[in-house]
């Protein structure tokens, strides 16, 4: 739990101004979703807790043609990256 609180503080709370309790709860819900679904975790081999480890890309042609999309969350404080179809 201490690790989650520390990462939440450094990645979210130190970077945004919260207006009231409702805004704080909204920001914490967004961060929780980001933490569990998208954020890479070093202890889990760069996977998130609620998704499996991605398959490695070994084909050189696929590596040169990567198309990555970025989705900003919480006004750009958090960024989600995904492969475009």
N, C-alpha and C. Protein backbone atom coordinates (compact mmCIF):
# COMPACT_ATOMS: atom_id res chain seq x y z
N UNK A 1 0.82 -1.19 0.00
CA UNK A 1 0.00 0.00 0.00
C UNK A 1 0.87 1.25 0.00
N UNK A 2 1.98 1.20 0.71
CA UNK A 2 2.87 2.37 0.75
C UNK A 2 3.40 2.71 -0.63
N UNK A 3 3.69 1.68 -1.42
CA UNK A 3 4.20 1.91 -2.77
C UNK A 3 3.14 2.59 -3.65
N UNK A 4 1.87 2.16 -3.51
CA UNK A 4 0.78 2.77 -4.29
C UNK A 4 0.59 4.23 -3.88
N UNK A 5 0.60 4.50 -2.59
CA UNK A 5 0.42 5.87 -2.12
C UNK A 5 1.56 6.75 -2.60
N UNK A 6 2.78 6.25 -2.55
CA UNK A 6 3.92 7.03 -3.01
C UNK A 6 3.83 7.32 -4.51
N UNK A 7 3.48 6.31 -5.31
CA UNK A 7 3.37 6.56 -6.76
C UNK A 7 2.20 7.48 -7.06
N UNK A 8 1.10 7.35 -6.35
CA UNK A 8 -0.04 8.25 -6.54
C UNK A 8 0.36 9.68 -6.22
N UNK A 9 1.08 9.86 -5.15
CA UNK A 9 1.50 11.21 -4.77
C UNK A 9 2.44 11.81 -5.81
N UNK A 10 3.45 11.04 -6.24
CA UNK A 10 4.44 11.58 -7.19
C UNK A 10 3.88 11.76 -8.59
N UNK A 11 3.04 10.83 -9.07
CA UNK A 11 2.56 10.88 -10.44
C UNK A 11 1.28 11.70 -10.59
N UNK A 12 0.54 11.91 -9.51
CA UNK A 12 -0.75 12.60 -9.63
C UNK A 12 -0.84 13.83 -8.73
N UNK A 13 -0.76 13.62 -7.45
CA UNK A 13 -1.07 14.71 -6.52
C UNK A 13 -0.05 15.84 -6.55
N UNK A 14 1.21 15.54 -6.84
CA UNK A 14 2.22 16.60 -6.92
C UNK A 14 2.12 17.39 -8.23
N UNK A 15 1.31 16.92 -9.19
CA UNK A 15 1.25 17.55 -10.50
C UNK A 15 -0.05 18.26 -10.82
N UNK A 16 -1.01 18.23 -9.91
CA UNK A 16 -2.28 18.88 -10.22
C UNK A 16 -2.84 19.60 -9.00
N UNK A 17 -3.68 20.56 -9.26
CA UNK A 17 -4.34 21.33 -8.23
C UNK A 17 -5.76 20.82 -8.09
N UNK A 18 -6.08 20.35 -6.91
CA UNK A 18 -7.41 19.79 -6.65
C UNK A 18 -8.28 20.84 -5.99
N UNK A 19 -9.50 21.00 -6.49
CA UNK A 19 -10.36 22.08 -6.05
C UNK A 19 -11.21 21.73 -4.84
N UNK A 20 -11.70 20.49 -4.77
CA UNK A 20 -12.56 20.10 -3.65
C UNK A 20 -12.54 18.58 -3.52
N UNK A 21 -13.33 18.06 -2.60
CA UNK A 21 -13.34 16.63 -2.36
C UNK A 21 -13.85 15.85 -3.57
N UNK A 22 -14.86 16.39 -4.25
CA UNK A 22 -15.39 15.72 -5.44
C UNK A 22 -14.31 15.59 -6.52
N UNK A 23 -13.53 16.64 -6.73
CA UNK A 23 -12.45 16.62 -7.71
C UNK A 23 -11.37 15.63 -7.29
N UNK A 24 -11.05 15.57 -6.00
CA UNK A 24 -10.06 14.63 -5.49
C UNK A 24 -10.51 13.19 -5.73
N UNK A 25 -11.77 12.89 -5.44
CA UNK A 25 -12.27 11.52 -5.64
C UNK A 25 -12.25 11.14 -7.13
N UNK A 26 -12.62 12.08 -7.98
CA UNK A 26 -12.57 11.83 -9.43
C UNK A 26 -11.14 11.54 -9.88
N UNK A 27 -10.19 12.35 -9.42
CA UNK A 27 -8.79 12.17 -9.81
C UNK A 27 -8.26 10.83 -9.29
N UNK A 28 -8.63 10.44 -8.08
CA UNK A 28 -8.17 9.17 -7.53
C UNK A 28 -8.77 7.98 -8.28
N UNK A 29 -10.04 8.09 -8.70
CA UNK A 29 -10.65 7.02 -9.50
C UNK A 29 -9.94 6.87 -10.84
N UNK A 30 -9.64 8.00 -11.48
CA UNK A 30 -8.93 7.95 -12.76
C UNK A 30 -7.53 7.36 -12.58
N UNK A 31 -6.84 7.75 -11.50
CA UNK A 31 -5.50 7.23 -11.28
C UNK A 31 -5.54 5.73 -10.97
N UNK A 32 -6.54 5.30 -10.20
CA UNK A 32 -6.67 3.88 -9.89
C UNK A 32 -6.87 3.07 -11.17
N UNK A 33 -7.72 3.55 -12.06
CA UNK A 33 -7.94 2.87 -13.33
C UNK A 33 -6.65 2.85 -14.15
N UNK A 34 -5.96 3.97 -14.22
CA UNK A 34 -4.70 4.06 -14.95
C UNK A 34 -3.66 3.11 -14.34
N UNK A 35 -3.56 3.07 -13.02
CA UNK A 35 -2.56 2.25 -12.33
C UNK A 35 -2.81 0.76 -12.58
N UNK A 36 -4.07 0.34 -12.54
CA UNK A 36 -4.39 -1.08 -12.68
C UNK A 36 -4.51 -1.56 -14.11
N UNK A 37 -4.81 -0.68 -15.06
CA UNK A 37 -5.04 -1.10 -16.43
C UNK A 37 -3.91 -0.76 -17.39
N UNK A 38 -3.19 0.35 -17.18
CA UNK A 38 -2.27 0.82 -18.21
C UNK A 38 -0.83 1.02 -17.75
N UNK A 39 -0.63 1.39 -16.52
CA UNK A 39 0.72 1.73 -16.06
C UNK A 39 1.58 0.48 -15.99
N UNK A 40 2.76 0.54 -16.58
CA UNK A 40 3.69 -0.59 -16.54
C UNK A 40 4.31 -0.71 -15.14
N UNK A 41 4.45 -1.94 -14.67
CA UNK A 41 5.03 -2.20 -13.36
C UNK A 41 6.28 -3.04 -13.53
N UNK A 42 7.39 -2.57 -12.98
CA UNK A 42 8.66 -3.28 -13.16
C UNK A 42 8.64 -4.64 -12.49
N UNK A 43 7.97 -4.77 -11.36
CA UNK A 43 7.92 -6.05 -10.67
C UNK A 43 7.09 -7.09 -11.40
N UNK A 44 6.26 -6.67 -12.35
CA UNK A 44 5.41 -7.59 -13.10
C UNK A 44 5.87 -7.73 -14.55
N UNK A 45 7.15 -7.51 -14.79
CA UNK A 45 7.72 -7.63 -16.13
C UNK A 45 7.05 -6.67 -17.11
N UNK A 46 6.89 -5.44 -16.69
CA UNK A 46 6.31 -4.35 -17.47
C UNK A 46 4.84 -4.55 -17.80
N UNK A 47 4.12 -5.35 -17.03
CA UNK A 47 2.68 -5.52 -17.22
C UNK A 47 1.95 -4.73 -16.14
N UNK A 48 0.69 -4.50 -16.34
CA UNK A 48 -0.15 -3.89 -15.33
C UNK A 48 -0.82 -5.00 -14.53
N UNK A 49 -1.27 -4.73 -13.29
CA UNK A 49 -1.86 -5.79 -12.47
C UNK A 49 -3.07 -6.47 -13.11
N UNK A 50 -3.88 -5.77 -13.88
CA UNK A 50 -5.09 -6.36 -14.42
C UNK A 50 -5.01 -6.69 -15.91
N UNK A 51 -3.81 -6.77 -16.46
CA UNK A 51 -3.67 -7.20 -17.84
C UNK A 51 -2.41 -8.05 -17.97
N UNK A 52 -2.38 -8.98 -18.93
CA UNK A 52 -1.22 -9.88 -19.06
C UNK A 52 -0.02 -9.16 -19.66
N UNK A 53 1.11 -9.82 -19.56
CA UNK A 53 2.35 -9.30 -20.15
C UNK A 53 2.18 -9.27 -21.66
N UNK A 54 2.50 -8.14 -22.31
CA UNK A 54 2.36 -8.10 -23.78
C UNK A 54 3.36 -9.03 -24.46
N UNK A 55 2.95 -9.55 -25.60
CA UNK A 55 3.84 -10.40 -26.38
C UNK A 55 4.98 -9.56 -26.96
N UNK A 56 6.20 -10.07 -26.90
CA UNK A 56 7.31 -9.30 -27.46
C UNK A 56 7.22 -9.21 -28.98
N UNK A 57 7.69 -8.10 -29.51
CA UNK A 57 7.71 -7.91 -30.96
C UNK A 57 9.10 -8.29 -31.44
N UNK A 58 9.17 -9.38 -32.21
CA UNK A 58 10.47 -9.87 -32.67
C UNK A 58 10.68 -9.65 -34.16
N UNK A 59 9.61 -9.40 -34.89
CA UNK A 59 9.72 -9.18 -36.33
C UNK A 59 10.26 -7.77 -36.59
N UNK A 60 11.42 -7.63 -37.24
CA UNK A 60 12.00 -6.30 -37.47
C UNK A 60 11.07 -5.37 -38.27
N UNK A 61 10.26 -5.93 -39.18
CA UNK A 61 9.37 -5.10 -39.97
C UNK A 61 8.28 -4.48 -39.09
N UNK A 62 7.78 -5.24 -38.13
CA UNK A 62 6.77 -4.70 -37.21
C UNK A 62 7.36 -3.62 -36.30
N UNK A 63 8.63 -3.77 -35.95
CA UNK A 63 9.26 -2.77 -35.07
C UNK A 63 9.39 -1.44 -35.79
N UNK A 64 9.75 -1.45 -37.06
CA UNK A 64 9.93 -0.19 -37.79
C UNK A 64 8.60 0.46 -38.13
N UNK A 65 7.52 -0.32 -38.19
CA UNK A 65 6.21 0.22 -38.55
C UNK A 65 5.27 0.38 -37.36
N UNK A 66 5.81 0.60 -36.18
CA UNK A 66 4.96 0.76 -35.00
C UNK A 66 4.16 2.06 -35.10
N UNK A 67 2.89 1.97 -34.82
CA UNK A 67 2.03 3.14 -34.78
C UNK A 67 1.46 3.24 -33.37
N UNK A 68 1.96 4.18 -32.61
CA UNK A 68 1.59 4.32 -31.20
C UNK A 68 0.64 5.50 -31.05
N UNK A 69 -0.41 5.30 -30.27
CA UNK A 69 -1.35 6.38 -29.96
C UNK A 69 -1.26 6.72 -28.49
N UNK A 70 -1.39 8.00 -28.20
CA UNK A 70 -1.36 8.47 -26.82
C UNK A 70 -2.71 9.06 -26.46
N UNK A 71 -3.21 8.68 -25.30
CA UNK A 71 -4.46 9.23 -24.79
C UNK A 71 -4.15 9.94 -23.48
N UNK A 72 -4.47 11.21 -23.43
CA UNK A 72 -4.24 11.98 -22.21
C UNK A 72 -5.41 11.79 -21.25
N UNK A 73 -5.10 11.63 -19.98
CA UNK A 73 -6.11 11.52 -18.93
C UNK A 73 -5.84 12.61 -17.91
N UNK A 74 -6.89 13.06 -17.27
CA UNK A 74 -6.81 14.12 -16.26
C UNK A 74 -6.12 15.36 -16.81
N UNK A 75 -6.52 15.76 -17.97
CA UNK A 75 -5.99 17.00 -18.55
C UNK A 75 -4.53 16.92 -18.95
N UNK A 76 -4.01 15.73 -19.20
CA UNK A 76 -2.63 15.59 -19.63
C UNK A 76 -1.67 15.23 -18.52
N UNK A 77 -2.16 15.03 -17.30
CA UNK A 77 -1.29 14.63 -16.20
C UNK A 77 -0.84 13.18 -16.39
N UNK A 78 -1.75 12.33 -16.83
CA UNK A 78 -1.45 10.92 -17.09
C UNK A 78 -1.56 10.66 -18.58
N UNK A 79 -0.73 9.78 -19.10
CA UNK A 79 -0.73 9.43 -20.52
C UNK A 79 -0.85 7.92 -20.67
N UNK A 80 -1.76 7.48 -21.52
CA UNK A 80 -1.89 6.07 -21.85
C UNK A 80 -1.40 5.88 -23.28
N UNK A 81 -0.57 4.90 -23.48
CA UNK A 81 -0.04 4.60 -24.81
C UNK A 81 -0.56 3.24 -25.26
N UNK A 82 -0.91 3.13 -26.52
CA UNK A 82 -1.38 1.86 -27.06
C UNK A 82 -1.00 1.77 -28.54
N UNK A 83 -0.95 0.53 -29.01
CA UNK A 83 -0.69 0.30 -30.43
C UNK A 83 -1.96 0.58 -31.22
N UNK A 84 -1.83 1.30 -32.30
CA UNK A 84 -2.97 1.57 -33.17
C UNK A 84 -3.20 0.36 -34.05
N UNK A 85 -4.44 0.08 -34.34
CA UNK A 85 -4.77 -1.09 -35.16
C UNK A 85 -4.45 -0.85 -36.62
